[in-house]
Amino acid sequence: MESVLEPPTARKLGDYANGQIDSFLDSVEDLTKALKDIETPEIARVRAKVKMALTAAKSAVSDTAYQLRSQARQVSQRTDGFVRDNPWQVVGVAALVGLGVGILASRRS
């Protein structure tokens, strides 16, 4: 059973960044389409370069997103494995952290 728990803020930030990148790439693509009626050799060269750059950028965005999901999945699986193999150590560490937070909170009030 695979589960990747991700903080909502990280997911929202990732979605926002992907949306911004996609929006930018779409705008560039729209710009190249708007220039299709202008047929000069310079515009044709620029349009060809932009098309290649867009293809490369879209591929890079897709690859990066895949790599990040893959890394998050691996970290999740390793953490899950550690917790399953060492439940009492995890409970002990959690208790110590809770005790420390409790002591610090009681000193502030």
PDB file of N, CA and C in Angstrom:
ATOM      1  N   MET A   1       0.846  -1.170   0.000  1.00  0.00           N
ATOM      2  CA  MET A   1       0.000   0.000   0.000  1.00  0.00           C
ATOM      3  C   MET A   1       0.891   1.233   0.000  1.00  0.00           C
ATOM      4  N   GLU A   2       0.768   2.066  -1.040  1.00  0.00           N
ATOM      5  CA  GLU A   2       1.568   3.273  -1.152  1.00  0.00           C
ATOM      6  C   GLU A   2       0.743   4.479  -0.748  1.00  0.00           C
ATOM      7  N   SER A   3       1.336   5.291   0.111  1.00  0.00           N
ATOM      8  CA  SER A   3       0.674   6.546   0.439  1.00  0.00           C
ATOM      9  C   SER A   3       1.747   7.591   0.649  1.00  0.00           C
ATOM     10  N   VAL A   4       1.563   8.687  -0.001  1.00  0.00           N
ATOM     11  CA  VAL A   4       2.498   9.795   0.136  1.00  0.00           C
ATOM     12  C   VAL A   4       1.744  10.896   0.857  1.00  0.00           C
ATOM     13  N   LEU A   5       2.150  11.150   2.100  1.00  0.00           N
ATOM     14  CA  LEU A   5       1.524  12.214   2.847  1.00  0.00           C
ATOM     15  C   LEU A   5       2.341  13.473   2.626  1.00  0.00           C
ATOM     16  N   GLU A   6       1.674  14.499   2.166  1.00  0.00           N
ATOM     17  CA  GLU A   6       2.338  15.739   1.825  1.00  0.00           C
ATOM     18  C   GLU A   6       1.589  16.865   2.512  1.00  0.00           C
ATOM     19  N   PRO A   7       2.298  17.812   3.109  1.00  0.00           N
ATOM     20  CA  PRO A   7       1.591  18.918   3.739  1.00  0.00           C
ATOM     21  C   PRO A   7       0.765  19.673   2.700  1.00  0.00           C
ATOM     22  N   PRO A   8      -0.425  20.114   3.082  1.00  0.00           N
ATOM     23  CA  PRO A   8      -1.277  20.815   2.123  1.00  0.00           C
ATOM     24  C   PRO A   8      -0.595  22.052   1.549  1.00  0.00           C
ATOM     25  N   THR A   9       0.199  22.742   2.354  1.00  0.00           N
ATOM     26  CA  THR A   9       0.840  23.950   1.855  1.00  0.00           C
ATOM     27  C   THR A   9       1.864  23.618   0.778  1.00  0.00           C
ATOM     28  N   ALA A  10       2.597  22.539   0.930  1.00  0.00           N
ATOM     29  CA  ALA A  10       3.570  22.150  -0.088  1.00  0.00           C
ATOM     30  C   ALA A  10       2.862  21.764  -1.372  1.00  0.00           C
ATOM     31  N   ARG A  11       1.777  21.053  -1.256  1.00  0.00           N
ATOM     32  CA  ARG A  11       1.006  20.658  -2.446  1.00  0.00           C
ATOM     33  C   ARG A  11       0.451  21.884  -3.140  1.00  0.00           C
ATOM     34  N   LYS A  12      -0.104  22.826  -2.361  1.00  0.00           N
ATOM     35  CA  LYS A  12      -0.662  24.044  -2.950  1.00  0.00           C
ATOM     36  C   LYS A  12       0.433  24.858  -3.633  1.00  0.00           C
ATOM     37  N   LEU A  13       1.585  24.946  -2.996  1.00  0.00           N
ATOM     38  CA  LEU A  13       2.702  25.682  -3.576  1.00  0.00           C
ATOM     39  C   LEU A  13       3.157  25.032  -4.875  1.00  0.00           C
ATOM     40  N   GLY A  14       3.252  23.721  -4.884  1.00  0.00           N
ATOM     41  CA  GLY A  14       3.639  23.003  -6.096  1.00  0.00           C
ATOM     42  C   GLY A  14       2.625  23.192  -7.209  1.00  0.00           C
ATOM     43  N   ASP A  15       1.337  23.106  -6.858  1.00  0.00           N
ATOM     44  CA  ASP A  15       0.287  23.321  -7.852  1.00  0.00           C
ATOM     45  C   ASP A  15       0.335  24.742  -8.398  1.00  0.00           C
ATOM     46  N   TYR A  16       0.563  25.704  -7.506  1.00  0.00           N
ATOM     47  CA  TYR A  16       0.644  27.110  -7.935  1.00  0.00           C
ATOM     48  C   TYR A  16       1.826  27.312  -8.886  1.00  0.00           C
ATOM     49  N   ALA A  17       2.980  26.762  -8.524  1.00  0.00           N
ATOM     50  CA  ALA A  17       4.172  26.905  -9.371  1.00  0.00           C
ATOM     51  C   ALA A  17       3.953  26.242 -10.723  1.00  0.00           C
ATOM     52  N   ASN A  18       3.396  25.045 -10.726  1.00  0.00           N
ATOM     53  CA  ASN A  18       3.111  24.365 -11.991  1.00  0.00           C
ATOM     54  C   ASN A  18       2.125  25.160 -12.825  1.00  0.00           C
ATOM     55  N   GLY A  19       1.131  25.732 -12.181  1.00  0.00           N
ATOM     56  CA  GLY A  19       0.147  26.550 -12.893  1.00  0.00           C
ATOM     57  C   GLY A  19       0.782  27.780 -13.517  1.00  0.00           C
ATOM     58  N   GLN A  20       1.686  28.414 -12.768  1.00  0.00           N
ATOM     59  CA  GLN A  20       2.363  29.596 -13.288  1.00  0.00           C
ATOM     60  C   GLN A  20       3.260  29.243 -14.468  1.00  0.00           C
ATOM     61  N   ILE A  21       3.971  28.146 -14.366  1.00  0.00           N
ATOM     62  CA  ILE A  21       4.848  27.718 -15.459  1.00  0.00           C
ATOM     63  C   ILE A  21       4.020  27.363 -16.682  1.00  0.00           C
ATOM     64  N   ASP A  22       2.949  26.614 -16.476  1.00  0.00           N
ATOM     65  CA  ASP A  22       2.080  26.249 -17.595  1.00  0.00           C
ATOM     66  C   ASP A  22       1.478  27.494 -18.242  1.00  0.00           C
ATOM     67  N   SER A  23       1.066  28.454 -17.420  1.00  0.00           N
ATOM     68  CA  SER A  23       0.496  29.690 -17.939  1.00  0.00           C
ATOM     69  C   SER A  23       1.522  30.452 -18.774  1.00  0.00           C
ATOM     70  N   PHE A  24       2.750  30.520 -18.283  1.00  0.00           N
ATOM     71  CA  PHE A  24       3.809  31.198 -19.026  1.00  0.00           C
ATOM     72  C   PHE A  24       4.068  30.507 -20.360  1.00  0.00           C
ATOM     73  N   LEU A  25       4.175  29.188 -20.328  1.00  0.00           N
ATOM     74  CA  LEU A  25       4.427  28.445 -21.563  1.00  0.00           C
ATOM     75  C   LEU A  25       3.267  28.601 -22.545  1.00  0.00           C
ATOM     76  N   ASP A  26       2.044  28.620 -22.038  1.00  0.00           N
ATOM     77  CA  ASP A  26       0.891  28.840 -22.909  1.00  0.00           C
ATOM     78  C   ASP A  26       0.917  30.235 -23.522  1.00  0.00           C
ATOM     79  N   SER A  27       1.327  31.229 -22.731  1.00  0.00           N
ATOM     80  CA  SER A  27       1.412  32.597 -23.249  1.00  0.00           C
ATOM     81  C   SER A  27       2.450  32.703 -24.355  1.00  0.00           C
ATOM     82  N   VAL A  28       3.588  32.055 -24.153  1.00  0.00           N
ATOM     83  CA  VAL A  28       4.625  32.072 -25.186  1.00  0.00           C
ATOM     84  C   VAL A  28       4.122  31.373 -26.443  1.00  0.00           C
ATOM     85  N   GLU A  29       3.416  30.282 -26.248  1.00  0.00           N
ATOM     86  CA  GLU A  29       2.858  29.557 -27.392  1.00  0.00           C
ATOM     87  C   GLU A  29       1.832  30.421 -28.136  1.00  0.00           C
ATOM     88  N   ASP A  30       0.990  31.127 -27.387  1.00  0.00           N
ATOM     89  CA  ASP A  30       0.025  32.034 -28.010  1.00  0.00           C
ATOM     90  C   ASP A  30       0.723  33.140 -28.786  1.00  0.00           C
ATOM     91  N   LEU A  31       1.810  33.638 -28.235  1.00  0.00           N
ATOM     92  CA  LEU A  31       2.567  34.687 -28.913  1.00  0.00           C
ATOM     93  C   LEU A  31       3.133  34.191 -30.236  1.00  0.00           C
ATOM     94  N   THR A  32       3.667  32.982 -30.241  1.00  0.00           N
ATOM     95  CA  THR A  32       4.212  32.444 -31.498  1.00  0.00           C
ATOM     96  C   THR A  32       3.100  32.213 -32.512  1.00  0.00           C
ATOM     97  N   LYS A  33       1.912  31.832 -32.056  1.00  0.00           N
ATOM     98  CA  LYS A  33       0.786  31.660 -32.975  1.00  0.00           C
ATOM     99  C   LYS A  33       0.329  33.001 -33.546  1.00  0.00           C
ATOM    100  N   ALA A  34       0.387  34.052 -32.704  1.00  0.00           N
ATOM    101  CA  ALA A  34      -0.007  35.376 -33.173  1.00  0.00           C
ATOM    102  C   ALA A  34       0.957  35.897 -34.240  1.00  0.00           C
ATOM    103  N   LEU A  35       2.192  35.456 -34.194  1.00  0.00           N
ATOM    104  CA  LEU A  35       3.196  35.904 -35.159  1.00  0.00           C
ATOM    105  C   LEU A  35       3.230  35.045 -36.419  1.00  0.00           C
ATOM    106  N   LYS A  36       2.332  34.088 -36.542  1.00  0.00           N
ATOM    107  CA  LYS A  36       2.388  33.176 -37.686  1.00  0.00           C
ATOM    108  C   LYS A  36       2.098  33.881 -39.001  1.00  0.00           C
ATOM    109  N   ASP A  37       1.364  34.992 -38.968  1.00  0.00           N
ATOM    110  CA  ASP A  37       1.036  35.714 -40.194  1.00  0.00           C
ATOM    111  C   ASP A  37       2.203  36.557 -40.710  1.00  0.00           C
ATOM    112  N   ILE A  38       3.166  36.810 -39.860  1.00  0.00           N
ATOM    113  CA  ILE A  38       4.324  37.601 -40.268  1.00  0.00           C
ATOM    114  C   ILE A  38       5.374  36.638 -40.797  1.00  0.00           C
ATOM    115  N   GLU A  39       5.625  36.714 -42.071  1.00  0.00           N
ATOM    116  CA  GLU A  39       6.548  35.777 -42.705  1.00  0.00           C
ATOM    117  C   GLU A  39       7.824  36.480 -43.147  1.00  0.00           C
ATOM    118  N   THR A  40       8.691  36.705 -42.201  1.00  0.00           N
ATOM    119  CA  THR A  40      10.032  37.180 -42.545  1.00  0.00           C
ATOM    120  C   THR A  40      10.994  36.100 -42.088  1.00  0.00           C
ATOM    121  N   PRO A  41      12.159  36.032 -42.704  1.00  0.00           N
ATOM    122  CA  PRO A  41      13.122  35.005 -42.289  1.00  0.00           C
ATOM    123  C   PRO A  41      13.507  35.115 -40.811  1.00  0.00           C
ATOM    124  N   GLU A  42      13.605  36.348 -40.316  1.00  0.00           N
ATOM    125  CA  GLU A  42      13.984  36.525 -38.898  1.00  0.00           C
ATOM    126  C   GLU A  42      12.896  35.988 -37.971  1.00  0.00           C
ATOM    127  N   ILE A  43      11.643  36.302 -38.263  1.00  0.00           N
ATOM    128  CA  ILE A  43      10.531  35.822 -37.437  1.00  0.00           C
ATOM    129  C   ILE A  43      10.433  34.304 -37.524  1.00  0.00           C
ATOM    130  N   ALA A  44      10.650  33.752 -38.705  1.00  0.00           N
ATOM    131  CA  ALA A  44      10.600  32.295 -38.872  1.00  0.00           C
ATOM    132  C   ALA A  44      11.678  31.620 -38.022  1.00  0.00           C
ATOM    133  N   ARG A  45      12.882  32.188 -37.984  1.00  0.00           N
ATOM    134  CA  ARG A  45      13.958  31.621 -37.153  1.00  0.00           C
ATOM    135  C   ARG A  45      13.612  31.712 -35.671  1.00  0.00           C
ATOM    136  N   VAL A  46      13.104  32.882 -35.277  1.00  0.00           N
ATOM    137  CA  VAL A  46      12.740  33.063 -33.868  1.00  0.00           C
ATOM    138  C   VAL A  46      11.619  32.100 -33.491  1.00  0.00           C
ATOM    139  N   ARG A  47      10.621  31.957 -34.372  1.00  0.00           N
ATOM    140  CA  ARG A  47       9.508  31.059 -34.101  1.00  0.00           C
ATOM    141  C   ARG A  47       9.995  29.616 -33.948  1.00  0.00           C
ATOM    142  N   ALA A  48      10.931  29.211 -34.799  1.00  0.00           N
ATOM    143  CA  ALA A  48      11.471  27.842 -34.707  1.00  0.00           C
ATOM    144  C   ALA A  48      12.235  27.651 -33.401  1.00  0.00           C
ATOM    145  N   LYS A  49      13.023  28.645 -33.011  1.00  0.00           N
ATOM    146  CA  LYS A  49      13.769  28.552 -31.745  1.00  0.00           C
ATOM    147  C   LYS A  49      12.813  28.493 -30.555  1.00  0.00           C
ATOM    148  N   VAL A  50      11.771  29.312 -30.611  1.00  0.00           N
ATOM    149  CA  VAL A  50      10.812  29.337 -29.502  1.00  0.00           C
ATOM    150  C   VAL A  50      10.074  28.005 -29.401  1.00  0.00           C
ATOM    151  N   LYS A  51       9.697  27.424 -30.540  1.00  0.00           N
ATOM    152  CA  LYS A  51       9.022  26.127 -30.515  1.00  0.00           C
ATOM    153  C   LYS A  51       9.914  25.053 -29.899  1.00  0.00           C
ATOM    154  N   MET A  52      11.201  25.065 -30.271  1.00  0.00           N
ATOM    155  CA  MET A  52      12.121  24.084 -29.681  1.00  0.00           C
ATOM    156  C   MET A  52      12.288  24.327 -28.189  1.00  0.00           C
ATOM    157  N   ALA A  53      12.387  25.606 -27.792  1.00  0.00           N
ATOM    158  CA  ALA A  53      12.539  25.934 -26.372  1.00  0.00           C
ATOM    159  C   ALA A  53      11.288  25.537 -25.588  1.00  0.00           C
ATOM    160  N   LEU A  54      10.117  25.759 -26.169  1.00  0.00           N
ATOM    161  CA  LEU A  54       8.875  25.368 -25.499  1.00  0.00           C
ATOM    162  C   LEU A  54       8.804  23.860 -25.290  1.00  0.00           C
ATOM    163  N   THR A  55       9.172  23.124 -26.321  1.00  0.00           N
ATOM    164  CA  THR A  55       9.159  21.666 -26.211  1.00  0.00           C
ATOM    165  C   THR A  55      10.116  21.211 -25.114  1.00  0.00           C
ATOM    166  N   ALA A  56      11.311  21.795 -25.090  1.00  0.00           N
ATOM    167  CA  ALA A  56      12.297  21.433 -24.069  1.00  0.00           C
ATOM    168  C   ALA A  56      11.815  21.826 -22.677  1.00  0.00           C
ATOM    169  N   ALA A  57      11.207  23.007 -22.550  1.00  0.00           N
ATOM    170  CA  ALA A  57      10.733  23.472 -21.243  1.00  0.00           C
ATOM    171  C   ALA A  57       9.606  22.586 -20.728  1.00  0.00           C
ATOM    172  N   LYS A  58       8.667  22.233 -21.603  1.00  0.00           N
ATOM    173  CA  LYS A  58       7.563  21.367 -21.180  1.00  0.00           C
ATOM    174  C   LYS A  58       8.083  19.996 -20.753  1.00  0.00           C
ATOM    175  N   SER A  59       9.063  19.497 -21.469  1.00  0.00           N
ATOM    176  CA  SER A  59       9.656  18.208 -21.115  1.00  0.00           C
ATOM    177  C   SER A  59      10.370  18.299 -19.770  1.00  0.00           C
ATOM    178  N   ALA A  60      11.101  19.397 -19.565  1.00  0.00           N
ATOM    179  CA  ALA A  60      11.825  19.571 -18.301  1.00  0.00           C
ATOM    180  C   ALA A  60      10.865  19.684 -17.127  1.00  0.00           C
ATOM    181  N   VAL A  61       9.771  20.415 -17.304  1.00  0.00           N
ATOM    182  CA  VAL A  61       8.777  20.557 -16.234  1.00  0.00           C
ATOM    183  C   VAL A  61       8.179  19.200 -15.901  1.00  0.00           C
ATOM    184  N   SER A  62       7.851  18.447 -16.920  1.00  0.00           N
ATOM    185  CA  SER A  62       7.269  17.127 -16.707  1.00  0.00           C
ATOM    186  C   SER A  62       8.253  16.196 -15.999  1.00  0.00           C
ATOM    187  N   ASP A  63       9.513  16.209 -16.450  1.00  0.00           N
ATOM    188  CA  ASP A  63      10.536  15.362 -15.828  1.00  0.00           C
ATOM    189  C   ASP A  63      10.774  15.744 -14.374  1.00  0.00           C
ATOM    190  N   THR A  64      10.825  17.046 -14.094  1.00  0.00           N
ATOM    191  CA  THR A  64      11.067  17.510 -12.731  1.00  0.00           C
ATOM    192  C   THR A  64       9.918  17.100 -11.812  1.00  0.00           C
ATOM    193  N   ALA A  65       8.699  17.268 -12.278  1.00  0.00           N
ATOM    194  CA  ALA A  65       7.539  16.874 -11.464  1.00  0.00           C
ATOM    195  C   ALA A  65       7.578  15.375 -11.181  1.00  0.00           C
ATOM    196  N   TYR A  66       7.918  14.593 -12.189  1.00  0.00           N
ATOM    197  CA  TYR A  66       7.998  13.139 -11.994  1.00  0.00           C
ATOM    198  C   TYR A  66       9.079  12.786 -10.974  1.00  0.00           C
ATOM    199  N   GLN A  67      10.244  13.433 -11.076  1.00  0.00           N
ATOM    200  CA  GLN A  67      11.343  13.155 -10.149  1.00  0.00           C
ATOM    201  C   GLN A  67      10.965  13.531  -8.723  1.00  0.00           C
ATOM    202  N   LEU A  68      10.295  14.669  -8.553  1.00  0.00           N
ATOM    203  CA  LEU A  68       9.894  15.083  -7.210  1.00  0.00           C
ATOM    204  C   LEU A  68       8.890  14.114  -6.605  1.00  0.00           C
ATOM    205  N   ARG A  69       7.929  13.684  -7.410  1.00  0.00           N
ATOM    206  CA  ARG A  69       6.956  12.697  -6.906  1.00  0.00           C
ATOM    207  C   ARG A  69       7.655  11.391  -6.544  1.00  0.00           C
ATOM    208  N   SER A  70       8.606  10.986  -7.371  1.00  0.00           N
ATOM    209  CA  SER A  70       9.338   9.750  -7.129  1.00  0.00           C
ATOM    210  C   SER A  70      10.148   9.844  -5.837  1.00  0.00           C
ATOM    211  N   GLN A  71      10.823  10.975  -5.636  1.00  0.00           N
ATOM    212  CA  GLN A  71      11.615  11.151  -4.417  1.00  0.00           C
ATOM    213  C   GLN A  71      10.719  11.194  -3.187  1.00  0.00           C
ATOM    214  N   ALA A  72       9.589  11.878  -3.284  1.00  0.00           N
ATOM    215  CA  ALA A  72       8.663  11.938  -2.147  1.00  0.00           C
ATOM    216  C   ALA A  72       8.144  10.543  -1.812  1.00  0.00           C
ATOM    217  N   ARG A  73       7.860   9.765  -2.839  1.00  0.00           N
ATOM    218  CA  ARG A  73       7.376   8.391  -2.626  1.00  0.00           C
ATOM    219  C   ARG A  73       8.454   7.556  -1.936  1.00  0.00           C
ATOM    220  N   GLN A  74       9.715   7.698  -2.357  1.00  0.00           N
ATOM    221  CA  GLN A  74      10.805   6.932  -1.751  1.00  0.00           C
ATOM    222  C   GLN A  74      10.999   7.312  -0.290  1.00  0.00           C
ATOM    223  N   VAL A  75      10.961   8.608   0.008  1.00  0.00           N
ATOM    224  CA  VAL A  75      11.115   9.054   1.395  1.00  0.00           C
ATOM    225  C   VAL A  75       9.968   8.521   2.236  1.00  0.00           C
ATOM    226  N   SER A  76       8.766   8.568   1.700  1.00  0.00           N
ATOM    227  CA  SER A  76       7.604   8.062   2.421  1.00  0.00           C
ATOM    228  C   SER A  76       7.747   6.566   2.705  1.00  0.00           C
ATOM    229  N   GLN A  77       8.204   5.820   1.719  1.00  0.00           N
ATOM    230  CA  GLN A  77       8.355   4.376   1.899  1.00  0.00           C
ATOM    231  C   GLN A  77       9.447   4.062   2.929  1.00  0.00           C
ATOM    232  N   ARG A  78      10.561   4.813   2.871  1.00  0.00           N
ATOM    233  CA  ARG A  78      11.632   4.577   3.860  1.00  0.00           C
ATOM    234  C   ARG A  78      11.163   4.913   5.264  1.00  0.00           C
ATOM    235  N   THR A  79      10.434   6.035   5.393  1.00  0.00           N
ATOM    236  CA  THR A  79       9.928   6.431   6.711  1.00  0.00           C
ATOM    237  C   THR A  79       8.943   5.394   7.225  1.00  0.00           C
ATOM    238  N   ASP A  80       8.052   4.957   6.366  1.00  0.00           N
ATOM    239  CA  ASP A  80       7.077   3.942   6.754  1.00  0.00           C
ATOM    240  C   ASP A  80       7.783   2.660   7.183  1.00  0.00           C
ATOM    241  N   GLY A  81       8.801   2.266   6.438  1.00  0.00           N
ATOM    242  CA  GLY A  81       9.563   1.064   6.788  1.00  0.00           C
ATOM    243  C   GLY A  81      10.263   1.201   8.127  1.00  0.00           C
ATOM    244  N   PHE A  82      10.850   2.371   8.381  1.00  0.00           N
ATOM    245  CA  PHE A  82      11.541   2.592   9.652  1.00  0.00           C
ATOM    246  C   PHE A  82      10.560   2.529  10.813  1.00  0.00           C
ATOM    247  N   VAL A  83       9.403   3.184  10.643  1.00  0.00           N
ATOM    248  CA  VAL A  83       8.403   3.188  11.721  1.00  0.00           C
ATOM    249  C   VAL A  83       7.886   1.777  11.977  1.00  0.00           C
ATOM    250  N   ARG A  84       7.674   1.006  10.919  1.00  0.00           N
ATOM    251  CA  ARG A  84       7.183  -0.371  11.093  1.00  0.00           C
ATOM    252  C   ARG A  84       8.241  -1.279  11.735  1.00  0.00           C
ATOM    253  N   ASP A  85       9.514  -1.048  11.389  1.00  0.00           N
ATOM    254  CA  ASP A  85      10.590  -1.870  11.947  1.00  0.00           C
ATOM    255  C   ASP A  85      10.965  -1.466  13.372  1.00  0.00           C
ATOM    256  N   ASN A  86      10.755  -0.208  13.743  1.00  0.00           N
ATOM    257  CA  ASN A  86      11.182   0.305  15.053  1.00  0.00           C
ATOM    258  C   ASN A  86      10.055   1.086  15.737  1.00  0.00           C
ATOM    259  N   PRO A  87       8.921   0.465  15.986  1.00  0.00           N
ATOM    260  CA  PRO A  87       7.791   1.237  16.537  1.00  0.00           C
ATOM    261  C   PRO A  87       8.072   1.803  17.927  1.00  0.00           C
ATOM    262  N   TRP A  88       8.759   1.066  18.764  1.00  0.00           N
ATOM    263  CA  TRP A  88       8.978   1.540  20.127  1.00  0.00           C
ATOM    264  C   TRP A  88       9.986   2.676  20.162  1.00  0.00           C
ATOM    265  N   GLN A  89      10.952   2.652  19.284  1.00  0.00           N
ATOM    266  CA  GLN A  89      11.900   3.773  19.217  1.00  0.00           C
ATOM    267  C   GLN A  89      11.180   5.044  18.771  1.00  0.00           C
ATOM    268  N   VAL A  90      10.285   4.889  17.799  1.00  0.00           N
ATOM    269  CA  VAL A  90       9.530   6.050  17.312  1.00  0.00           C
ATOM    270  C   VAL A  90       8.631   6.588  18.415  1.00  0.00           C
ATOM    271  N   VAL A  91       7.977   5.703  19.153  1.00  0.00           N
ATOM    272  CA  VAL A  91       7.117   6.136  20.263  1.00  0.00           C
ATOM    273  C   VAL A  91       7.963   6.842  21.323  1.00  0.00           C
ATOM    274  N   GLY A  92       9.141   6.312  21.620  1.00  0.00           N
ATOM    275  CA  GLY A  92      10.021   6.932  22.608  1.00  0.00           C
ATOM    276  C   GLY A  92      10.481   8.324  22.176  1.00  0.00           C
ATOM    277  N   VAL A  93      10.878   8.456  20.941  1.00  0.00           N
ATOM    278  CA  VAL A  93      11.307   9.763  20.441  1.00  0.00           C
ATOM    279  C   VAL A  93      10.142  10.741  20.465  1.00  0.00           C
ATOM    280  N   ALA A  94       8.966  10.294  20.050  1.00  0.00           N
ATOM    281  CA  ALA A  94       7.793  11.162  20.064  1.00  0.00           C
ATOM    282  C   ALA A  94       7.459  11.600  21.493  1.00  0.00           C
ATOM    283  N   ALA A  95       7.588  10.689  22.438  1.00  0.00           N
ATOM    284  CA  ALA A  95       7.319  11.031  23.845  1.00  0.00           C
ATOM    285  C   ALA A  95       8.318  12.060  24.349  1.00  0.00           C
ATOM    286  N   LEU A  96       9.592  11.881  24.000  1.00  0.00           N
ATOM    287  CA  LEU A  96      10.609  12.847  24.425  1.00  0.00           C
ATOM    288  C   LEU A  96      10.364  14.225  23.804  1.00  0.00           C
ATOM    289  N   VAL A  97      10.022  14.256  22.539  1.00  0.00           N
ATOM    290  CA  VAL A  97       9.727  15.533  21.891  1.00  0.00           C
ATOM    291  C   VAL A  97       8.510  16.180  22.544  1.00  0.00           C
ATOM    292  N   GLY A  98       7.483  15.398  22.814  1.00  0.00           N
ATOM    293  CA  GLY A  98       6.296  15.927  23.485  1.00  0.00           C
ATOM    294  C   GLY A  98       6.605  16.453  24.866  1.00  0.00           C
ATOM    295  N   LEU A  99       7.436  15.736  25.607  1.00  0.00           N
ATOM    296  CA  LEU A  99       7.844  16.184  26.938  1.00  0.00           C
ATOM    297  C   LEU A  99       8.615  17.494  26.853  1.00  0.00           C
ATOM    298  N   GLY A 100       9.528  17.571  25.888  1.00  0.00           N
ATOM    299  CA  GLY A 100      10.312  18.805  25.704  1.00  0.00           C
ATOM    300  C   GLY A 100       9.432  19.990  25.342  1.00  0.00           C
ATOM    301  N   VAL A 101       8.503  19.778  24.465  1.00  0.00           N
ATOM    302  CA  VAL A 101       7.583  20.857  24.083  1.00  0.00           C
ATOM    303  C   VAL A 101       6.726  21.261  25.273  1.00  0.00           C
ATOM    304  N   GLY A 102       6.281  20.287  26.048  1.00  0.00           N
ATOM    305  CA  GLY A 102       5.477  20.573  27.234  1.00  0.00           C
ATOM    306  C   GLY A 102       6.247  21.391  28.256  1.00  0.00           C
ATOM    307  N   ILE A 103       7.502  21.040  28.480  1.00  0.00           N
ATOM    308  CA  ILE A 103       8.327  21.786  29.437  1.00  0.00           C
ATOM    309  C   ILE A 103       8.539  23.207  28.951  1.00  0.00           C
ATOM    310  N   LEU A 104       8.862  23.373  27.654  1.00  0.00           N
ATOM    311  CA  LEU A 104       9.078  24.721  27.121  1.00  0.00           C
ATOM    312  C   LEU A 104       7.791  25.548  27.180  1.00  0.00           C
ATOM    313  N   ALA A 105       6.668  24.914  26.897  1.00  0.00           N
ATOM    314  CA  ALA A 105       5.381  25.645  26.931  1.00  0.00           C
ATOM    315  C   ALA A 105       5.040  26.052  28.358  1.00  0.00           C
ATOM    316  N   SER A 106       5.328  25.202  29.336  1.00  0.00           N
ATOM    317  CA  SER A 106       4.990  25.545  30.723  1.00  0.00           C
ATOM    318  C   SER A 106       5.894  26.642  31.260  1.00  0.00           C
ATOM    319  N   ARG A 107       7.104  26.753  30.783  1.00  0.00           N
ATOM    320  CA  ARG A 107       8.007  27.814  31.238  1.00  0.00           C
ATOM    321  C   ARG A 107       7.602  29.170  30.682  1.00  0.00           C
ATOM    322  N   ARG A 108       7.012  29.191  29.532  1.00  0.00           N
ATOM    323  CA  ARG A 108       6.616  30.469  28.918  1.00  0.00           C
ATOM    324  C   ARG A 108       5.380  31.054  29.558  1.00  0.00           C
ATOM    325  N   SER A 109       4.543  30.226  30.155  1.00  0.00           N
ATOM    326  CA  SER A 109       3.303  30.768  30.736  1.00  0.00           C
ATOM    327  C   SER A 109       3.404  31.038  32.198  1.00  0.00           C
TER     328      SER A 109
END
